[in-house]
Amino acid sequence: MGFEKAVVFLCGTEEYAVPVDQVVSIEKLERVTPIPHLPKYLLGFSRIRGELTPVIDFQSILYNRPTDTKNLKVIVLKTEMINYGLLVVDAKEIIDFEEGVLTQLGLVNYNKTKYFTAVANLENRMISCIDPGILVHSLEGMREIIEYLHKMQEEEQTNV
């Protein structure tokens, strides 16, 4: 996976990046329908551009506390398994990483942070790079949530 061009976003006070080719859109957080008994990281489902999309709170994954500021953004990401929304404080910019600024992360081998694939070491900032596919695969209970979502989508199509 190439991180030559990435969308940089804020979560807490830190900067993170996802590959621009996996970003479907960046949206304002609208209405999210919570579903009881879901994992803490999953806010619920939202209809984004007509598609039912699970919304994942990235701060909850990283720091075990919900994102609580206003005017939040949802970065809709596409993976082989599912499209999902990643709740972030702000989507800041699209950046082209120059050759040599990305360093492989030693924590990739740590089971709980396999989704951190590299760090961009820039002059005045460090940006952690995230693989959206590995992130969604690493979340406990996500497989069942995806099955539920596919069932809901099938029901929607048969009711049309």
Protein backbone atom coordinates (compact mmCIF):
# COMPACT_ATOMS: atom_id res chain seq x y z
CA MET A 1 0.00 0.00 0.00
CA GLY A 2 1.40 3.33 -1.00
CA PHE A 3 1.26 6.39 1.19
CA GLU A 4 2.66 8.75 -1.43
CA LYS A 5 -0.56 10.80 -1.22
CA ALA A 6 -2.61 10.77 1.98
CA VAL A 7 -5.43 12.53 3.81
CA VAL A 8 -4.16 13.93 7.12
CA PHE A 9 -6.61 14.18 10.01
CA LEU A 10 -6.69 15.02 13.69
CA CYS A 11 -7.68 12.70 16.48
CA GLY A 12 -7.17 14.17 19.91
CA THR A 13 -4.17 16.42 19.36
CA GLU A 14 -2.25 14.03 17.12
CA GLU A 15 -2.10 13.79 13.33
CA TYR A 16 -2.79 10.61 11.40
CA ALA A 17 -3.01 9.76 7.71
CA VAL A 18 -4.86 7.33 5.46
CA PRO A 19 -4.11 6.72 1.77
CA VAL A 20 -6.12 9.09 -0.41
CA ASP A 21 -7.05 6.24 -2.78
CA GLN A 22 -9.04 4.59 0.02
CA VAL A 23 -10.99 7.73 0.92
CA VAL A 24 -14.50 7.81 -0.56
CA SER A 25 -15.46 11.16 0.93
CA ILE A 26 -15.13 13.46 3.93
CA GLU A 27 -18.45 14.40 5.50
CA LYS A 28 -19.78 16.38 8.45
CA LEU A 29 -21.06 14.10 11.17
CA GLU A 30 -24.81 13.92 10.70
CA ARG A 31 -27.34 11.73 12.42
CA VAL A 32 -25.97 8.43 13.70
CA THR A 33 -28.39 5.73 14.82
CA PRO A 34 -26.92 3.91 17.81
CA ILE A 35 -27.55 0.18 18.15
CA PRO A 36 -27.58 -1.25 21.70
CA HIS A 37 -24.83 -3.62 22.84
CA LEU A 38 -22.33 -2.71 20.12
CA PRO A 39 -18.64 -2.33 20.97
CA LYS A 40 -17.73 1.08 22.44
CA TYR A 41 -15.77 2.08 19.35
CA LEU A 42 -18.86 1.84 17.10
CA LEU A 43 -21.15 4.88 17.37
CA GLY A 44 -23.79 3.22 15.23
CA PHE A 45 -24.91 3.51 11.61
CA SER A 46 -25.42 6.58 9.45
CA ARG A 47 -26.79 7.00 5.96
CA ILE A 48 -23.98 8.67 4.03
CA ARG A 49 -24.69 9.47 0.40
CA GLY A 50 -27.53 6.97 0.47
CA GLU A 51 -25.45 4.10 1.81
CA LEU A 52 -25.80 2.61 5.29
CA THR A 53 -22.38 3.10 6.86
CA PRO A 54 -21.00 2.02 10.25
CA VAL A 55 -19.31 4.94 12.04
CA ILE A 56 -16.24 4.11 14.08
CA ASP A 57 -14.91 6.53 16.73
CA PHE A 58 -11.14 6.53 16.22
CA GLN A 59 -10.46 8.29 19.52
CA SER A 60 -12.34 5.53 21.33
CA ILE A 61 -10.03 2.96 19.70
CA LEU A 62 -6.85 4.88 20.50
CA TYR A 63 -7.56 6.39 23.89
CA ASN A 64 -10.59 4.43 25.16
CA ARG A 65 -12.70 7.60 25.41
CA PRO A 66 -15.30 8.99 23.02
CA THR A 67 -14.71 12.01 20.82
CA ASP A 68 -16.66 14.81 22.46
CA THR A 69 -16.09 17.97 20.45
CA LYS A 70 -18.54 19.56 18.03
CA ASN A 71 -18.23 19.86 14.25
CA LEU A 72 -16.71 16.42 13.82
CA LYS A 73 -15.83 14.90 10.46
CA VAL A 74 -16.38 11.42 9.13
CA ILE A 75 -13.83 10.08 6.67
CA VAL A 76 -15.58 7.39 4.64
CA LEU A 77 -13.03 4.69 3.82
CA LYS A 78 -13.30 1.79 1.41
CA THR A 79 -11.76 -1.57 2.12
CA GLU A 80 -12.20 -4.98 0.53
CA MET A 81 -14.51 -6.00 3.36
CA ILE A 82 -16.62 -2.89 3.94
CA ASN A 83 -16.93 0.85 3.56
CA TYR A 84 -16.99 2.57 6.95
CA GLY A 85 -16.88 6.02 8.45
CA LEU A 86 -13.99 7.00 10.70
CA LEU A 87 -14.98 9.72 13.16
CA VAL A 88 -12.20 12.30 13.56
CA VAL A 89 -11.85 15.80 14.99
CA ASP A 90 -10.92 17.31 11.64
CA ALA A 91 -9.66 16.31 8.20
CA LYS A 92 -6.86 18.80 7.65
CA GLU A 93 -5.22 18.35 4.29
CA ILE A 94 -4.10 16.12 1.48
CA ILE A 95 -0.36 15.72 1.54
CA ASP A 96 2.22 14.26 -0.84
CA PHE A 97 4.89 12.48 1.17
CA GLU A 98 8.32 12.95 -0.35
CA GLU A 99 10.55 9.93 -0.72
CA GLY A 100 12.39 9.06 2.48
CA VAL A 101 10.02 10.67 5.02
CA LEU A 102 8.14 7.44 5.78
CA THR A 103 9.65 5.13 8.36
CA GLN A 104 8.34 1.64 9.04
CA LEU A 105 6.91 1.46 12.50
CA GLY A 106 8.27 -1.05 15.00
CA LEU A 107 4.83 -1.28 16.61
CA VAL A 108 3.45 -3.03 13.52
CA ASN A 109 4.40 -6.27 15.25
CA TYR A 110 2.39 -5.32 18.35
CA ASN A 111 -0.93 -7.10 17.95
CA LYS A 112 -3.16 -4.19 18.99
CA THR A 113 -1.59 -1.61 16.66
CA LYS A 114 -0.97 -3.52 13.43
CA TYR A 115 -2.93 -0.83 11.58
CA PHE A 116 -0.10 1.67 12.15
CA THR A 117 2.06 0.94 9.13
CA ALA A 118 4.51 3.85 9.08
CA VAL A 119 5.35 7.26 10.50
CA ALA A 120 5.96 10.32 8.35
CA ASN A 121 8.76 12.21 10.00
CA LEU A 122 8.42 15.76 8.70
CA GLU A 123 10.36 18.83 9.77
CA ASN A 124 7.94 20.11 12.43
CA ARG A 125 5.54 17.19 12.82
CA MET A 126 5.10 13.45 12.90
CA ILE A 127 2.13 11.77 11.23
CA SER A 128 1.17 8.16 11.96
CA CYS A 129 0.01 6.29 8.85
CA ILE A 130 -2.94 3.92 9.15
CA ASP A 131 -4.04 1.07 6.91
CA PRO A 132 -7.89 1.23 6.90
CA GLY A 133 -8.22 -2.46 5.97
CA ILE A 134 -6.01 -3.67 8.82
CA LEU A 135 -7.78 -1.29 11.21
CA VAL A 136 -11.24 -2.68 10.45
CA HIS A 137 -9.95 -6.28 10.59
CA SER A 138 -8.31 -5.68 13.97
CA LEU A 139 -11.47 -4.51 15.76
CA GLU A 140 -13.11 -7.03 18.02
CA GLY A 141 -16.65 -7.85 16.94
CA MET A 142 -16.33 -6.19 13.53
CA ARG A 143 -16.97 -9.42 11.61
CA GLU A 144 -20.40 -9.77 13.24
CA ILE A 145 -21.16 -6.10 12.59
CA ILE A 146 -20.29 -6.52 8.91
CA GLU A 147 -22.55 -9.58 8.68
CA TYR A 148 -25.36 -7.56 10.28
CA LEU A 149 -24.80 -4.69 7.85
CA HIS A 150 -24.87 -7.01 4.84
CA LYS A 151 -28.15 -8.49 6.09
CA MET A 152 -29.66 -5.02 6.48
CA GLN A 153 -28.50 -4.07 2.97
CA GLU A 154 -30.06 -7.23 1.50
CA GLU A 155 -33.35 -6.46 3.27
CA GLU A 156 -33.27 -2.91 1.91
CA GLN A 157 -32.79 -4.20 -1.64
CA THR A 158 -35.64 -6.70 -1.39
CA ASN A 159 -37.98 -4.01 -0.01
CA VAL A 160 -37.30 -1.60 -2.87
